[in-house]
Amino acid sequence: MFDYAAYEKACAKVQEKNEEYLDLFETELKKSGLSEKTVLRHLRNVDFYINTYLLREEPRSMEDGTMFIDFFLGDFFIRKCMWSTPGNIKTNAASIKKFYKCMLDNKKIVKSSYDYLCNDIKENLSTWQINCELYNDPDAPSPFFCPF
């Protein structure tokens, strides 16, 4: 039987740590001279990824997030987020990549994890954008439809 109370407790622990990471990211963004609007956009995008998506099935850590970007931007974001557009996918990818670069620079993740994330984004971004465009077009066949 699923222990929902244990799940919530584990998620709360991850979220508490994530707040530290988001604070660090915010500090770095502000130091770089970005506008407040841009800083808030990056923070919202990353917060949704690490505090909503990564915790939805099991409490996954920020560090584990480098392995799930394809599932997030290539499927979940397209199908479950009503605001998904090809442009939003690119913006979210940029925010997440920038976040994980900050985590790398501050020794919160290892380089191989960051490299994996960057390669995943580089290899799949255009496919994610095309699939999003198709998914949002009511006249196009769904890229997620499988007749078998």
C-alpha atoms as a PDB file:
ATOM      1  CA  MET A   1       0.000   0.000   0.000  1.00  0.00           C
ATOM      2  CA  PHE A   2       1.240   3.481  -0.868  1.00  0.00           C
ATOM      3  CA  ASP A   3       2.264   5.546   2.164  1.00  0.00           C
ATOM      4  CA  TYR A   4       1.150   9.025   1.156  1.00  0.00           C
ATOM      5  CA  ALA A   5       2.309  10.604   4.420  1.00  0.00           C
ATOM      6  CA  ALA A   6       5.850   9.285   3.850  1.00  0.00           C
ATOM      7  CA  TYR A   7       5.738  10.556   0.259  1.00  0.00           C
ATOM      8  CA  GLU A   8       4.672  14.036   1.407  1.00  0.00           C
ATOM      9  CA  LYS A   9       7.375  14.084   4.071  1.00  0.00           C
ATOM     10  CA  ALA A  10      10.044  13.092   1.544  1.00  0.00           C
ATOM     11  CA  CYS A  11       8.792  15.745  -0.911  1.00  0.00           C
ATOM     12  CA  ALA A  12       8.885  18.413   1.793  1.00  0.00           C
ATOM     13  CA  LYS A  13      12.501  17.515   2.531  1.00  0.00           C
ATOM     14  CA  VAL A  14      13.419  17.812  -1.175  1.00  0.00           C
ATOM     15  CA  GLN A  15      11.522  21.099  -1.500  1.00  0.00           C
ATOM     16  CA  GLU A  16      13.360  22.537   1.476  1.00  0.00           C
ATOM     17  CA  LYS A  17      16.688  21.764  -0.185  1.00  0.00           C
ATOM     18  CA  ASN A  18      15.356  23.078  -3.510  1.00  0.00           C
ATOM     19  CA  GLU A  19      14.629  26.436  -1.885  1.00  0.00           C
ATOM     20  CA  GLU A  20      18.316  26.737  -1.053  1.00  0.00           C
ATOM     21  CA  TYR A  21      19.194  25.973  -4.674  1.00  0.00           C
ATOM     22  CA  LEU A  22      16.661  28.488  -5.969  1.00  0.00           C
ATOM     23  CA  ASP A  23      18.001  31.163  -3.619  1.00  0.00           C
ATOM     24  CA  LEU A  24      21.521  30.506  -4.873  1.00  0.00           C
ATOM     25  CA  PHE A  25      20.293  30.648  -8.482  1.00  0.00           C
ATOM     26  CA  GLU A  26      18.438  33.912  -7.855  1.00  0.00           C
ATOM     27  CA  THR A  27      21.539  35.480  -6.336  1.00  0.00           C
ATOM     28  CA  GLU A  28      23.632  34.455  -9.344  1.00  0.00           C
ATOM     29  CA  LEU A  29      21.032  35.730 -11.814  1.00  0.00           C
ATOM     30  CA  LYS A  30      20.826  39.091 -10.099  1.00  0.00           C
ATOM     31  CA  LYS A  31      24.628  39.379  -9.983  1.00  0.00           C
ATOM     32  CA  SER A  32      24.729  38.815 -13.747  1.00  0.00           C
ATOM     33  CA  GLY A  33      22.665  41.972 -14.291  1.00  0.00           C
ATOM     34  CA  LEU A  34      19.486  40.408 -15.665  1.00  0.00           C
ATOM     35  CA  SER A  35      16.251  42.356 -15.322  1.00  0.00           C
ATOM     36  CA  GLU A  36      13.881  41.484 -12.492  1.00  0.00           C
ATOM     37  CA  LYS A  37      11.350  40.192 -15.028  1.00  0.00           C
ATOM     38  CA  THR A  38      13.921  37.835 -16.579  1.00  0.00           C
ATOM     39  CA  VAL A  39      15.093  36.641 -13.164  1.00  0.00           C
ATOM     40  CA  LEU A  40      11.510  35.861 -12.143  1.00  0.00           C
ATOM     41  CA  ARG A  41      10.853  33.993 -15.419  1.00  0.00           C
ATOM     42  CA  HIS A  42      13.917  31.788 -14.926  1.00  0.00           C
ATOM     43  CA  LEU A  43      12.981  31.137 -11.293  1.00  0.00           C
ATOM     44  CA  ARG A  44       9.381  30.222 -12.172  1.00  0.00           C
ATOM     45  CA  ASN A  45      10.503  27.876 -14.934  1.00  0.00           C
ATOM     46  CA  VAL A  46      13.034  26.095 -12.733  1.00  0.00           C
ATOM     47  CA  ASP A  47      10.741  26.003  -9.697  1.00  0.00           C
ATOM     48  CA  PHE A  48       8.062  24.263 -11.775  1.00  0.00           C
ATOM     49  CA  TYR A  49      10.594  21.714 -12.980  1.00  0.00           C
ATOM     50  CA  ILE A  50      12.262  20.855  -9.666  1.00  0.00           C
ATOM     51  CA  ASN A  51       9.294  21.338  -7.295  1.00  0.00           C
ATOM     52  CA  THR A  52       6.409  20.109  -9.426  1.00  0.00           C
ATOM     53  CA  TYR A  53       7.599  17.833 -12.194  1.00  0.00           C
ATOM     54  CA  LEU A  54      10.407  16.051 -10.348  1.00  0.00           C
ATOM     55  CA  LEU A  55       8.158  15.396  -7.348  1.00  0.00           C
ATOM     56  CA  ARG A  56       5.029  14.251  -9.146  1.00  0.00           C
ATOM     57  CA  GLU A  57       5.658  10.488  -9.135  1.00  0.00           C
ATOM     58  CA  GLU A  58       8.327  10.192  -6.486  1.00  0.00           C
ATOM     59  CA  PRO A  59      10.479  12.691  -4.627  1.00  0.00           C
ATOM     60  CA  ARG A  60      13.372  13.125  -7.068  1.00  0.00           C
ATOM     61  CA  SER A  61      16.226  15.406  -6.098  1.00  0.00           C
ATOM     62  CA  MET A  62      17.479  18.382  -8.061  1.00  0.00           C
ATOM     63  CA  GLU A  63      20.574  16.339  -8.887  1.00  0.00           C
ATOM     64  CA  ASP A  64      18.414  13.648 -10.515  1.00  0.00           C
ATOM     65  CA  GLY A  65      16.750  16.315 -12.646  1.00  0.00           C
ATOM     66  CA  THR A  66      19.560  16.322 -15.194  1.00  0.00           C
ATOM     67  CA  MET A  67      18.329  12.904 -16.330  1.00  0.00           C
ATOM     68  CA  PHE A  68      14.653  13.783 -16.835  1.00  0.00           C
ATOM     69  CA  ILE A  69      14.663  16.812 -19.140  1.00  0.00           C
ATOM     70  CA  ASP A  70      13.591  14.776 -22.170  1.00  0.00           C
ATOM     71  CA  PHE A  71      10.576  13.353 -20.341  1.00  0.00           C
ATOM     72  CA  PHE A  72       9.684  16.821 -19.085  1.00  0.00           C
ATOM     73  CA  LEU A  73      10.058  19.022 -22.180  1.00  0.00           C
ATOM     74  CA  GLY A  74       9.451  16.258 -24.718  1.00  0.00           C
ATOM     75  CA  ASP A  75       6.252  14.894 -23.219  1.00  0.00           C
ATOM     76  CA  PHE A  76       4.883  16.190 -19.909  1.00  0.00           C
ATOM     77  CA  PHE A  77       5.252  19.902 -20.666  1.00  0.00           C
ATOM     78  CA  ILE A  78       3.674  19.511 -24.099  1.00  0.00           C
ATOM     79  CA  ARG A  79       0.693  17.429 -22.981  1.00  0.00           C
ATOM     80  CA  LYS A  80       0.009  18.709 -19.468  1.00  0.00           C
ATOM     81  CA  CYS A  81       0.853  22.418 -19.546  1.00  0.00           C
ATOM     82  CA  MET A  82      -1.797  24.406 -21.387  1.00  0.00           C
ATOM     83  CA  TRP A  83       0.678  27.241 -21.925  1.00  0.00           C
ATOM     84  CA  SER A  84       3.146  25.064 -23.842  1.00  0.00           C
ATOM     85  CA  THR A  85       4.381  26.508 -27.122  1.00  0.00           C
ATOM     86  CA  PRO A  86       7.561  25.866 -29.102  1.00  0.00           C
ATOM     87  CA  GLY A  87       8.870  29.179 -27.762  1.00  0.00           C
ATOM     88  CA  ASN A  88       8.086  28.239 -24.146  1.00  0.00           C
ATOM     89  CA  ILE A  89       9.912  24.969 -24.591  1.00  0.00           C
ATOM     90  CA  LYS A  90      13.017  26.838 -25.707  1.00  0.00           C
ATOM     91  CA  THR A  91      12.698  29.323 -22.846  1.00  0.00           C
ATOM     92  CA  ASN A  92      12.263  26.552 -20.272  1.00  0.00           C
ATOM     93  CA  ALA A  93      15.234  24.657 -21.689  1.00  0.00           C
ATOM     94  CA  ALA A  94      17.353  27.813 -21.395  1.00  0.00           C
ATOM     95  CA  SER A  95      16.226  28.424 -17.807  1.00  0.00           C
ATOM     96  CA  ILE A  96      16.895  24.853 -16.750  1.00  0.00           C
ATOM     97  CA  LYS A  97      20.259  24.778 -18.480  1.00  0.00           C
ATOM     98  CA  LYS A  98      21.225  28.073 -16.811  1.00  0.00           C
ATOM     99  CA  PHE A  99      20.092  26.724 -13.436  1.00  0.00           C
ATOM    100  CA  TYR A 100      22.144  23.577 -13.749  1.00  0.00           C
ATOM    101  CA  LYS A 101      25.173  25.591 -14.885  1.00  0.00           C
ATOM    102  CA  CYS A 102      24.832  27.547 -11.652  1.00  0.00           C
ATOM    103  CA  MET A 103      24.598  24.274  -9.729  1.00  0.00           C
ATOM    104  CA  LEU A 104      27.737  23.005 -11.485  1.00  0.00           C
ATOM    105  CA  ASP A 105      29.631  26.228 -10.793  1.00  0.00           C
ATOM    106  CA  ASN A 106      28.698  25.931  -7.121  1.00  0.00           C
ATOM    107  CA  LYS A 107      29.612  22.232  -6.963  1.00  0.00           C
ATOM    108  CA  LYS A 108      26.066  21.000  -6.360  1.00  0.00           C
ATOM    109  CA  ILE A 109      26.208  18.626  -9.345  1.00  0.00           C
ATOM    110  CA  VAL A 110      29.023  16.906 -11.220  1.00  0.00           C
ATOM    111  CA  LYS A 111      30.159  17.916 -14.700  1.00  0.00           C
ATOM    112  CA  SER A 112      29.063  14.646 -16.318  1.00  0.00           C
ATOM    113  CA  SER A 113      25.463  15.313 -15.195  1.00  0.00           C
ATOM    114  CA  TYR A 114      25.551  18.837 -16.592  1.00  0.00           C
ATOM    115  CA  ASP A 115      27.041  17.572 -19.853  1.00  0.00           C
ATOM    116  CA  TYR A 116      24.287  14.955 -20.122  1.00  0.00           C
ATOM    117  CA  LEU A 117      21.616  17.623 -19.657  1.00  0.00           C
ATOM    118  CA  CYS A 118      23.197  19.943 -22.240  1.00  0.00           C
ATOM    119  CA  ASN A 119      23.538  17.157 -24.772  1.00  0.00           C
ATOM    120  CA  ASP A 120      19.933  16.065 -24.228  1.00  0.00           C
ATOM    121  CA  ILE A 121      18.729  19.621 -24.852  1.00  0.00           C
ATOM    122  CA  LYS A 122      20.969  20.074 -27.898  1.00  0.00           C
ATOM    123  CA  GLU A 123      19.891  16.778 -29.462  1.00  0.00           C
ATOM    124  CA  ASN A 124      16.157  17.056 -28.760  1.00  0.00           C
ATOM    125  CA  LEU A 125      15.107  20.711 -28.618  1.00  0.00           C
ATOM    126  CA  SER A 126      13.945  20.947 -32.216  1.00  0.00           C
ATOM    127  CA  THR A 127      12.000  17.676 -31.925  1.00  0.00           C
ATOM    128  CA  TRP A 128      10.305  18.868 -28.740  1.00  0.00           C
ATOM    129  CA  GLN A 129       9.333  22.111 -30.466  1.00  0.00           C
ATOM    130  CA  ILE A 130       7.958  20.307 -33.529  1.00  0.00           C
ATOM    131  CA  ASN A 131       5.982  17.894 -31.359  1.00  0.00           C
ATOM    132  CA  CYS A 132       4.580  20.798 -29.365  1.00  0.00           C
ATOM    133  CA  GLU A 133       3.520  22.584 -32.532  1.00  0.00           C
ATOM    134  CA  LEU A 134       1.822  19.416 -33.792  1.00  0.00           C
ATOM    135  CA  TYR A 135       0.155  18.746 -30.456  1.00  0.00           C
ATOM    136  CA  ASN A 136      -1.250  22.277 -30.324  1.00  0.00           C
ATOM    137  CA  ASP A 137      -2.557  22.095 -33.925  1.00  0.00           C
ATOM    138  CA  PRO A 138      -6.096  20.675 -33.817  1.00  0.00           C
ATOM    139  CA  ASP A 139      -5.828  19.622 -37.474  1.00  0.00           C
ATOM    140  CA  ALA A 140      -2.537  17.739 -37.143  1.00  0.00           C
ATOM    141  CA  PRO A 141      -2.253  14.137 -36.016  1.00  0.00           C
ATOM    142  CA  SER A 142      -0.951  13.893 -32.475  1.00  0.00           C
ATOM    143  CA  PRO A 143       2.760  13.072 -32.255  1.00  0.00           C
ATOM    144  CA  PHE A 144       1.871  11.014 -29.152  1.00  0.00           C
ATOM    145  CA  PHE A 145      -0.687   8.768 -30.822  1.00  0.00           C
ATOM    146  CA  CYS A 146       0.337   5.148 -31.180  1.00  0.00           C
ATOM    147  CA  PRO A 147      -2.194   2.826 -32.876  1.00  0.00           C
ATOM    148  CA  PHE A 148      -0.621  -0.389 -31.498  1.00  0.00           C
END
